[in-house]
């Protein structure tokens, strides 16, 4: 099946920016741009480029969280180590 090019969508762009600023939390980002939280998941099913961008943001957030946890472990924070 041939991939159908997607038309740029301003709400999608706004959502991706909101997703990044809300640390990858879809419901918070959806609320920020006033869309239902299921909408980004539908967009991701329909638009592979959007899905890839959404995944990349979530990966960056995970990397950030892991780096902060690692810093705490290096500082001998027992709770972080547990």
C-alpha atoms as a PDB file:
ATOM      1  CA  UNK A   1       0.000   0.000   0.000  1.00  0.00           C
ATOM      2  CA  UNK A   2       1.380   3.386  -1.006  1.00  0.00           C
ATOM      3  CA  UNK A   3       1.792   5.995   1.708  1.00  0.00           C
ATOM      4  CA  UNK A   4      -0.518   8.974   1.275  1.00  0.00           C
ATOM      5  CA  UNK A   5       1.269  12.262   2.017  1.00  0.00           C
ATOM      6  CA  UNK A   6      -0.250  14.144   4.920  1.00  0.00           C
ATOM      7  CA  UNK A   7      -1.310  17.759   4.695  1.00  0.00           C
ATOM      8  CA  UNK A   8       0.328  19.950   7.361  1.00  0.00           C
ATOM      9  CA  UNK A   9      -2.061  20.481  10.230  1.00  0.00           C
ATOM     10  CA  UNK A  10      -1.666  23.468  12.533  1.00  0.00           C
ATOM     11  CA  UNK A  11      -3.326  21.696  15.472  1.00  0.00           C
ATOM     12  CA  UNK A  12      -0.864  18.839  15.096  1.00  0.00           C
ATOM     13  CA  UNK A  13       2.053  21.264  15.248  1.00  0.00           C
ATOM     14  CA  UNK A  14       0.592  23.003  18.292  1.00  0.00           C
ATOM     15  CA  UNK A  15       0.008  19.638  19.957  1.00  0.00           C
ATOM     16  CA  UNK A  16       3.612  18.517  19.377  1.00  0.00           C
ATOM     17  CA  UNK A  17       4.925  21.748  20.908  1.00  0.00           C
ATOM     18  CA  UNK A  18       2.565  21.300  23.857  1.00  0.00           C
ATOM     19  CA  UNK A  19       3.620  17.654  24.215  1.00  0.00           C
ATOM     20  CA  UNK A  20       7.242  18.717  24.514  1.00  0.00           C
ATOM     21  CA  UNK A  21       6.492  21.455  27.039  1.00  0.00           C
ATOM     22  CA  UNK A  22       4.287  19.065  29.059  1.00  0.00           C
ATOM     23  CA  UNK A  23       7.056  16.452  29.301  1.00  0.00           C
ATOM     24  CA  UNK A  24       5.359  13.951  27.015  1.00  0.00           C
ATOM     25  CA  UNK A  25       2.070  13.766  28.903  1.00  0.00           C
ATOM     26  CA  UNK A  26      -0.541  13.409  26.174  1.00  0.00           C
ATOM     27  CA  UNK A  27      -3.581  14.428  28.239  1.00  0.00           C
ATOM     28  CA  UNK A  28      -1.900  17.646  29.412  1.00  0.00           C
ATOM     29  CA  UNK A  29      -0.781  18.525  25.894  1.00  0.00           C
ATOM     30  CA  UNK A  30      -4.243  17.781  24.505  1.00  0.00           C
ATOM     31  CA  UNK A  31      -5.836  20.020  27.132  1.00  0.00           C
ATOM     32  CA  UNK A  32      -3.379  22.786  26.273  1.00  0.00           C
ATOM     33  CA  UNK A  33      -4.505  22.843  22.635  1.00  0.00           C
ATOM     34  CA  UNK A  34      -8.158  22.105  23.458  1.00  0.00           C
ATOM     35  CA  UNK A  35      -8.524  18.726  21.763  1.00  0.00           C
ATOM     36  CA  UNK A  36      -9.755  15.391  23.047  1.00  0.00           C
ATOM     37  CA  UNK A  37      -6.931  13.214  24.389  1.00  0.00           C
ATOM     38  CA  UNK A  38      -7.816  10.475  21.879  1.00  0.00           C
ATOM     39  CA  UNK A  39      -7.219  12.791  18.899  1.00  0.00           C
ATOM     40  CA  UNK A  40      -3.391  12.587  18.904  1.00  0.00           C
ATOM     41  CA  UNK A  41      -3.589   8.794  18.918  1.00  0.00           C
ATOM     42  CA  UNK A  42      -5.898   8.893  15.894  1.00  0.00           C
ATOM     43  CA  UNK A  43      -3.535  11.307  14.158  1.00  0.00           C
ATOM     44  CA  UNK A  44      -0.646   8.946  14.915  1.00  0.00           C
ATOM     45  CA  UNK A  45      -2.511   6.011  13.345  1.00  0.00           C
ATOM     46  CA  UNK A  46      -3.276   8.060  10.239  1.00  0.00           C
ATOM     47  CA  UNK A  47       0.022   9.967   9.861  1.00  0.00           C
ATOM     48  CA  UNK A  48       3.320   8.102  10.295  1.00  0.00           C
ATOM     49  CA  UNK A  49       5.355  11.329  10.324  1.00  0.00           C
ATOM     50  CA  UNK A  50       3.255  12.654  13.195  1.00  0.00           C
ATOM     51  CA  UNK A  51       3.597   9.321  15.014  1.00  0.00           C
ATOM     52  CA  UNK A  52       7.378   9.480  14.597  1.00  0.00           C
ATOM     53  CA  UNK A  53       7.543  13.045  15.931  1.00  0.00           C
ATOM     54  CA  UNK A  54       5.352  12.142  18.889  1.00  0.00           C
ATOM     55  CA  UNK A  55       7.557   9.128  19.679  1.00  0.00           C
ATOM     56  CA  UNK A  56      10.714  11.221  19.384  1.00  0.00           C
ATOM     57  CA  UNK A  57       9.392  13.742  21.917  1.00  0.00           C
ATOM     58  CA  UNK A  58       8.470  10.954  24.322  1.00  0.00           C
ATOM     59  CA  UNK A  59      11.942   9.409  23.881  1.00  0.00           C
ATOM     60  CA  UNK A  60      13.589  12.761  24.656  1.00  0.00           C
ATOM     61  CA  UNK A  61      11.495  13.114  27.810  1.00  0.00           C
ATOM     62  CA  UNK A  62      12.443   9.582  28.887  1.00  0.00           C
ATOM     63  CA  UNK A  63      16.134  10.351  28.256  1.00  0.00           C
ATOM     64  CA  UNK A  64      15.826  13.526  30.344  1.00  0.00           C
ATOM     65  CA  UNK A  65      14.171  11.672  33.232  1.00  0.00           C
ATOM     66  CA  UNK A  66      16.765   8.907  33.118  1.00  0.00           C
ATOM     67  CA  UNK A  67      19.609  11.422  33.151  1.00  0.00           C
ATOM     68  CA  UNK A  68      18.149  13.187  36.201  1.00  0.00           C
ATOM     69  CA  UNK A  69      17.734   9.856  37.984  1.00  0.00           C
ATOM     70  CA  UNK A  70      21.337   8.941  37.130  1.00  0.00           C
ATOM     71  CA  UNK A  71      22.522  12.263  38.587  1.00  0.00           C
ATOM     72  CA  UNK A  72      20.686  11.500  41.825  1.00  0.00           C
ATOM     73  CA  UNK A  73      22.198   8.013  41.986  1.00  0.00           C
ATOM     74  CA  UNK A  74      25.695   9.458  41.448  1.00  0.00           C
ATOM     75  CA  UNK A  75      25.041  11.793  44.394  1.00  0.00           C
ATOM     76  CA  UNK A  76      24.369   8.706  46.539  1.00  0.00           C
ATOM     77  CA  UNK A  77      20.661   9.444  46.873  1.00  0.00           C
ATOM     78  CA  UNK A  78      19.453   6.170  48.388  1.00  0.00           C
ATOM     79  CA  UNK A  79      15.840   6.730  47.395  1.00  0.00           C
ATOM     80  CA  UNK A  80      16.810   7.267  43.764  1.00  0.00           C
ATOM     81  CA  UNK A  81      18.968   4.153  43.862  1.00  0.00           C
ATOM     82  CA  UNK A  82      16.082   2.059  45.191  1.00  0.00           C
END
